[in-house]
């Protein structure tokens, strides 16, 4: 049996993850999706969060994704 151990994350990382989740759900609702898509395609505001991880038709996770 494989035993996994997890170390607790910092409070700042927990707050950042919560903020991400709170932003994620409305962003994919039909009412806001058009605005988010326009922002992604026409501005550089979301480049760091979207295009940087989809450069070669593969999804690349950020280095801290397993923290």
PDB file of N, CA and C in Angstrom:
ATOM      1  N   UNK A   1       0.843  -1.177   0.000  1.00  0.00           N
ATOM      2  CA  UNK A   1       0.000   0.000   0.000  1.00  0.00           C
ATOM      3  C   UNK A   1       0.886   1.238   0.000  1.00  0.00           C
ATOM      4  N   UNK A   2       0.555   2.195  -0.834  1.00  0.00           N
ATOM      5  CA  UNK A   2       1.341   3.409  -0.967  1.00  0.00           C
ATOM      6  C   UNK A   2       0.892   4.430   0.066  1.00  0.00           C
ATOM      7  N   UNK A   3       1.823   4.915   0.849  1.00  0.00           N
ATOM      8  CA  UNK A   3       1.514   5.905   1.873  1.00  0.00           C
ATOM      9  C   UNK A   3       2.015   7.266   1.414  1.00  0.00           C
ATOM     10  N   UNK A   4       1.119   8.210   1.314  1.00  0.00           N
ATOM     11  CA  UNK A   4       1.489   9.568   0.926  1.00  0.00           C
ATOM     12  C   UNK A   4       1.506  10.454   2.159  1.00  0.00           C
ATOM     13  N   UNK A   5       2.483  11.287   2.253  1.00  0.00           N
ATOM     14  CA  UNK A   5       2.502  12.248   3.355  1.00  0.00           C
ATOM     15  C   UNK A   5       2.473  13.650   2.760  1.00  0.00           C
ATOM     16  N   UNK A   6       1.681  14.480   3.346  1.00  0.00           N
ATOM     17  CA  UNK A   6       1.541  15.854   2.887  1.00  0.00           C
ATOM     18  C   UNK A   6       2.040  16.791   3.967  1.00  0.00           C
ATOM     19  N   UNK A   7       2.779  17.802   3.556  1.00  0.00           N
ATOM     20  CA  UNK A   7       3.200  18.801   4.528  1.00  0.00           C
ATOM     21  C   UNK A   7       2.231  19.971   4.464  1.00  0.00           C
ATOM     22  N   UNK A   8       1.964  20.589   5.589  1.00  0.00           N
ATOM     23  CA  UNK A   8       1.044  21.728   5.585  1.00  0.00           C
ATOM     24  C   UNK A   8       1.627  22.898   4.789  1.00  0.00           C
ATOM     25  N   UNK A   9       0.764  23.622   4.113  1.00  0.00           N
ATOM     26  CA  UNK A   9       1.213  24.775   3.337  1.00  0.00           C
ATOM     27  C   UNK A   9       1.139  26.033   4.194  1.00  0.00           C
ATOM     28  N   UNK A  10       1.764  27.071   3.724  1.00  0.00           N
ATOM     29  CA  UNK A  10       1.743  28.339   4.458  1.00  0.00           C
ATOM     30  C   UNK A  10       0.353  28.966   4.365  1.00  0.00           C
ATOM     31  N   UNK A  11       0.084  29.881   5.276  1.00  0.00           N
ATOM     32  CA  UNK A  11      -1.226  30.536   5.264  1.00  0.00           C
ATOM     33  C   UNK A  11      -1.385  31.383   4.013  1.00  0.00           C
ATOM     34  N   UNK A  12      -0.271  31.945   3.502  1.00  0.00           N
ATOM     35  CA  UNK A  12      -0.347  32.760   2.290  1.00  0.00           C
ATOM     36  C   UNK A  12      -0.742  31.914   1.084  1.00  0.00           C
ATOM     37  N   UNK A  13      -0.174  30.726   0.972  1.00  0.00           N
ATOM     38  CA  UNK A  13      -0.530  29.829  -0.131  1.00  0.00           C
ATOM     39  C   UNK A  13      -2.000  29.414  -0.019  1.00  0.00           C
ATOM     40  N   UNK A  14      -2.471  29.188   1.182  1.00  0.00           N
ATOM     41  CA  UNK A  14      -3.877  28.836   1.392  1.00  0.00           C
ATOM     42  C   UNK A  14      -4.788  29.979   0.957  1.00  0.00           C
ATOM     43  N   UNK A  15      -4.424  31.206   1.292  1.00  0.00           N
ATOM     44  CA  UNK A  15      -5.219  32.376   0.897  1.00  0.00           C
ATOM     45  C   UNK A  15      -5.209  32.536  -0.619  1.00  0.00           C
ATOM     46  N   UNK A  16      -4.048  32.331  -1.247  1.00  0.00           N
ATOM     47  CA  UNK A  16      -3.961  32.435  -2.706  1.00  0.00           C
ATOM     48  C   UNK A  16      -4.830  31.384  -3.386  1.00  0.00           C
ATOM     49  N   UNK A  17      -4.830  30.171  -2.864  1.00  0.00           N
ATOM     50  CA  UNK A  17      -5.663  29.112  -3.452  1.00  0.00           C
ATOM     51  C   UNK A  17      -7.142  29.430  -3.292  1.00  0.00           C
ATOM     52  N   UNK A  18      -7.515  29.958  -2.150  1.00  0.00           N
ATOM     53  CA  UNK A  18      -8.909  30.336  -1.931  1.00  0.00           C
ATOM     54  C   UNK A  18      -9.317  31.456  -2.886  1.00  0.00           C
ATOM     55  N   UNK A  19      -8.448  32.443  -3.067  1.00  0.00           N
ATOM     56  CA  UNK A  19      -8.738  33.540  -4.001  1.00  0.00           C
ATOM     57  C   UNK A  19      -8.888  33.005  -5.422  1.00  0.00           C
ATOM     58  N   UNK A  20      -8.034  32.059  -5.802  1.00  0.00           N
ATOM     59  CA  UNK A  20      -8.125  31.453  -7.133  1.00  0.00           C
ATOM     60  C   UNK A  20      -9.467  30.747  -7.306  1.00  0.00           C
ATOM     61  N   UNK A  21      -9.867  29.968  -6.311  1.00  0.00           N
ATOM     62  CA  UNK A  21     -11.150  29.267  -6.413  1.00  0.00           C
ATOM     63  C   UNK A  21     -12.318  30.239  -6.491  1.00  0.00           C
ATOM     64  N   UNK A  22     -12.260  31.297  -5.710  1.00  0.00           N
ATOM     65  CA  UNK A  22     -13.343  32.282  -5.738  1.00  0.00           C
ATOM     66  C   UNK A  22     -13.413  33.009  -7.078  1.00  0.00           C
ATOM     67  N   UNK A  23     -12.288  33.166  -7.762  1.00  0.00           N
ATOM     68  CA  UNK A  23     -12.275  33.801  -9.083  1.00  0.00           C
ATOM     69  C   UNK A  23     -12.616  32.810 -10.184  1.00  0.00           C
ATOM     70  N   UNK A  24     -12.272  31.557  -9.986  1.00  0.00           N
ATOM     71  CA  UNK A  24     -12.450  30.527 -11.004  1.00  0.00           C
ATOM     72  C   UNK A  24     -13.923  30.264 -11.311  1.00  0.00           C
ATOM     73  N   UNK A  25     -14.732  30.073 -10.289  1.00  0.00           N
ATOM     74  CA  UNK A  25     -16.125  29.696 -10.519  1.00  0.00           C
ATOM     75  C   UNK A  25     -16.914  30.744 -11.299  1.00  0.00           C
ATOM     76  N   UNK A  26     -16.878  32.018 -10.931  1.00  0.00           N
ATOM     77  CA  UNK A  26     -17.629  32.987 -11.745  1.00  0.00           C
ATOM     78  C   UNK A  26     -17.060  33.160 -13.155  1.00  0.00           C
ATOM     79  N   UNK A  27     -15.751  32.997 -13.315  1.00  0.00           N
ATOM     80  CA  UNK A  27     -15.125  33.215 -14.625  1.00  0.00           C
ATOM     81  C   UNK A  27     -15.648  32.252 -15.679  1.00  0.00           C
ATOM     82  N   UNK A  28     -16.100  31.077 -15.270  1.00  0.00           N
ATOM     83  CA  UNK A  28     -16.588  30.098 -16.234  1.00  0.00           C
ATOM     84  C   UNK A  28     -18.108  30.009 -16.290  1.00  0.00           C
ATOM     85  N   UNK A  29     -18.785  30.910 -15.645  1.00  0.00           N
ATOM     86  CA  UNK A  29     -20.235  31.001 -15.779  1.00  0.00           C
ATOM     87  C   UNK A  29     -20.540  31.735 -17.080  1.00  0.00           C
ATOM     88  N   UNK A  30     -21.631  31.393 -17.710  1.00  0.00           N
ATOM     89  CA  UNK A  30     -21.980  31.956 -19.018  1.00  0.00           C
ATOM     90  C   UNK A  30     -22.014  33.482 -19.004  1.00  0.00           C
ATOM     91  N   UNK A  31     -22.466  34.063 -17.925  1.00  0.00           N
ATOM     92  CA  UNK A  31     -22.602  35.516 -17.856  1.00  0.00           C
ATOM     93  C   UNK A  31     -21.248  36.223 -17.984  1.00  0.00           C
ATOM     94  N   UNK A  32     -20.183  35.663 -17.417  1.00  0.00           N
ATOM     95  CA  UNK A  32     -18.879  36.315 -17.409  1.00  0.00           C
ATOM     96  C   UNK A  32     -17.888  35.720 -18.395  1.00  0.00           C
ATOM     97  N   UNK A  33     -18.178  34.561 -18.963  1.00  0.00           N
ATOM     98  CA  UNK A  33     -17.190  33.878 -19.796  1.00  0.00           C
ATOM     99  C   UNK A  33     -16.779  34.715 -21.007  1.00  0.00           C
ATOM    100  N   UNK A  34     -17.721  35.380 -21.642  1.00  0.00           N
ATOM    101  CA  UNK A  34     -17.402  36.212 -22.800  1.00  0.00           C
ATOM    102  C   UNK A  34     -16.418  37.318 -22.456  1.00  0.00           C
ATOM    103  N   UNK A  35     -16.614  37.936 -21.306  1.00  0.00           N
ATOM    104  CA  UNK A  35     -15.715  38.995 -20.868  1.00  0.00           C
ATOM    105  C   UNK A  35     -14.321  38.432 -20.560  1.00  0.00           C
ATOM    106  N   UNK A  36     -14.267  37.272 -19.932  1.00  0.00           N
ATOM    107  CA  UNK A  36     -12.980  36.649 -19.613  1.00  0.00           C
ATOM    108  C   UNK A  36     -12.259  36.245 -20.894  1.00  0.00           C
ATOM    109  N   UNK A  37     -12.995  35.666 -21.840  1.00  0.00           N
ATOM    110  CA  UNK A  37     -12.384  35.253 -23.109  1.00  0.00           C
ATOM    111  C   UNK A  37     -11.839  36.464 -23.867  1.00  0.00           C
ATOM    112  N   UNK A  38     -12.627  37.542 -23.909  1.00  0.00           N
ATOM    113  CA  UNK A  38     -12.173  38.764 -24.569  1.00  0.00           C
ATOM    114  C   UNK A  38     -10.906  39.298 -23.904  1.00  0.00           C
ATOM    115  N   UNK A  39     -10.885  39.299 -22.578  1.00  0.00           N
ATOM    116  CA  UNK A  39      -9.718  39.778 -21.836  1.00  0.00           C
ATOM    117  C   UNK A  39      -8.493  38.930 -22.138  1.00  0.00           C
ATOM    118  N   UNK A  40      -8.682  37.635 -22.255  1.00  0.00           N
ATOM    119  CA  UNK A  40      -7.561  36.735 -22.550  1.00  0.00           C
ATOM    120  C   UNK A  40      -7.022  36.962 -23.955  1.00  0.00           C
ATOM    121  N   UNK A  41      -7.903  37.108 -24.923  1.00  0.00           N
ATOM    122  CA  UNK A  41      -7.485  37.221 -26.316  1.00  0.00           C
ATOM    123  C   UNK A  41      -6.990  38.614 -26.704  1.00  0.00           C
ATOM    124  N   UNK A  42      -7.519  39.654 -26.090  1.00  0.00           N
ATOM    125  CA  UNK A  42      -7.232  41.024 -26.534  1.00  0.00           C
ATOM    126  C   UNK A  42      -6.286  41.804 -25.622  1.00  0.00           C
ATOM    127  N   UNK A  43      -5.967  41.264 -24.457  1.00  0.00           N
ATOM    128  CA  UNK A  43      -5.068  41.971 -23.538  1.00  0.00           C
ATOM    129  C   UNK A  43      -4.019  40.996 -23.014  1.00  0.00           C
ATOM    130  N   UNK A  44      -3.057  41.516 -22.308  1.00  0.00           N
ATOM    131  CA  UNK A  44      -2.007  40.671 -21.717  1.00  0.00           C
ATOM    132  C   UNK A  44      -2.277  40.365 -20.248  1.00  0.00           C
ATOM    133  N   UNK A  45      -3.438  40.740 -19.746  1.00  0.00           N
ATOM    134  CA  UNK A  45      -3.726  40.567 -18.321  1.00  0.00           C
ATOM    135  C   UNK A  45      -3.713  39.109 -17.867  1.00  0.00           C
ATOM    136  N   UNK A  46      -4.179  38.205 -18.701  1.00  0.00           N
ATOM    137  CA  UNK A  46      -4.287  36.802 -18.294  1.00  0.00           C
ATOM    138  C   UNK A  46      -3.220  35.905 -18.909  1.00  0.00           C
ATOM    139  N   UNK A  47      -2.281  36.473 -19.638  1.00  0.00           N
ATOM    140  CA  UNK A  47      -1.250  35.656 -20.293  1.00  0.00           C
ATOM    141  C   UNK A  47      -0.499  34.766 -19.315  1.00  0.00           C
ATOM    142  N   UNK A  48      -0.122  35.310 -18.168  1.00  0.00           N
ATOM    143  CA  UNK A  48       0.649  34.539 -17.197  1.00  0.00           C
ATOM    144  C   UNK A  48      -0.137  33.329 -16.687  1.00  0.00           C
ATOM    145  N   UNK A  49      -1.444  33.438 -16.654  1.00  0.00           N
ATOM    146  CA  UNK A  49      -2.263  32.356 -16.119  1.00  0.00           C
ATOM    147  C   UNK A  49      -2.770  31.392 -17.180  1.00  0.00           C
ATOM    148  N   UNK A  50      -2.744  31.780 -18.443  1.00  0.00           N
ATOM    149  CA  UNK A  50      -3.332  30.920 -19.470  1.00  0.00           C
ATOM    150  C   UNK A  50      -2.330  30.479 -20.515  1.00  0.00           C
ATOM    151  N   UNK A  51      -1.909  31.371 -21.345  1.00  0.00           N
ATOM    152  CA  UNK A  51      -1.073  31.002 -22.490  1.00  0.00           C
ATOM    153  C   UNK A  51       0.283  30.440 -22.094  1.00  0.00           C
ATOM    154  N   UNK A  52       0.825  30.847 -20.978  1.00  0.00           N
ATOM    155  CA  UNK A  52       2.142  30.370 -20.549  1.00  0.00           C
ATOM    156  C   UNK A  52       2.143  28.870 -20.285  1.00  0.00           C
ATOM    157  N   UNK A  53       1.003  28.291 -19.986  1.00  0.00           N
ATOM    158  CA  UNK A  53       0.938  26.866 -19.667  1.00  0.00           C
ATOM    159  C   UNK A  53       0.393  26.026 -20.819  1.00  0.00           C
ATOM    160  N   UNK A  54       0.142  26.615 -21.974  1.00  0.00           N
ATOM    161  CA  UNK A  54      -0.424  25.896 -23.111  1.00  0.00           C
ATOM    162  C   UNK A  54       0.342  26.194 -24.394  1.00  0.00           C
ATOM    163  N   UNK A  55       1.648  26.199 -24.343  1.00  0.00           N
ATOM    164  CA  UNK A  55       2.437  26.616 -25.493  1.00  0.00           C
ATOM    165  C   UNK A  55       2.583  25.549 -26.569  1.00  0.00           C
ATOM    166  N   UNK A  56       2.628  24.303 -26.225  1.00  0.00           N
ATOM    167  CA  UNK A  56       2.921  23.251 -27.197  1.00  0.00           C
ATOM    168  C   UNK A  56       1.846  22.165 -27.226  1.00  0.00           C
ATOM    169  N   UNK A  57       0.603  22.571 -27.097  1.00  0.00           N
ATOM    170  CA  UNK A  57      -0.540  21.647 -27.106  1.00  0.00           C
ATOM    171  C   UNK A  57      -0.517  20.675 -25.930  1.00  0.00           C
ATOM    172  N   UNK A  58       0.291  20.953 -24.932  1.00  0.00           N
ATOM    173  CA  UNK A  58       0.306  20.180 -23.696  1.00  0.00           C
ATOM    174  C   UNK A  58       0.086  21.153 -22.550  1.00  0.00           C
ATOM    175  N   UNK A  59      -0.496  20.663 -21.497  1.00  0.00           N
ATOM    176  CA  UNK A  59      -0.709  21.500 -20.329  1.00  0.00           C
ATOM    177  C   UNK A  59       0.497  21.355 -19.410  1.00  0.00           C
ATOM    178  N   UNK A  60       1.109  22.461 -19.053  1.00  0.00           N
ATOM    179  CA  UNK A  60       2.239  22.475 -18.131  1.00  0.00           C
ATOM    180  C   UNK A  60       1.768  23.095 -16.824  1.00  0.00           C
ATOM    181  N   UNK A  61       1.976  22.391 -15.742  1.00  0.00           N
ATOM    182  CA  UNK A  61       1.572  22.903 -14.443  1.00  0.00           C
ATOM    183  C   UNK A  61       2.674  23.784 -13.861  1.00  0.00           C
ATOM    184  N   UNK A  62       2.303  24.777 -13.062  1.00  0.00           N
ATOM    185  CA  UNK A  62       3.320  25.612 -12.437  1.00  0.00           C
ATOM    186  C   UNK A  62       4.184  24.787 -11.488  1.00  0.00           C
ATOM    187  N   UNK A  63       5.400  25.229 -11.217  1.00  0.00           N
ATOM    188  CA  UNK A  63       6.308  24.454 -10.373  1.00  0.00           C
ATOM    189  C   UNK A  63       5.762  24.153  -8.978  1.00  0.00           C
ATOM    190  N   UNK A  64       4.921  25.025  -8.444  1.00  0.00           N
ATOM    191  CA  UNK A  64       4.399  24.795  -7.095  1.00  0.00           C
ATOM    192  C   UNK A  64       3.050  24.081  -7.086  1.00  0.00           C
ATOM    193  N   UNK A  65       2.671  23.457  -8.172  1.00  0.00           N
ATOM    194  CA  UNK A  65       1.348  22.831  -8.258  1.00  0.00           C
ATOM    195  C   UNK A  65       1.173  21.648  -7.312  1.00  0.00           C
ATOM    196  N   UNK A  66       2.243  21.023  -6.898  1.00  0.00           N
ATOM    197  CA  UNK A  66       2.137  19.874  -5.993  1.00  0.00           C
ATOM    198  C   UNK A  66       2.395  20.239  -4.539  1.00  0.00           C
ATOM    199  N   UNK A  67       2.602  21.520  -4.254  1.00  0.00           N
ATOM    200  CA  UNK A  67       2.838  21.943  -2.865  1.00  0.00           C
ATOM    201  C   UNK A  67       1.580  21.816  -2.050  1.00  0.00           C
TER     202      UNK A  67
END
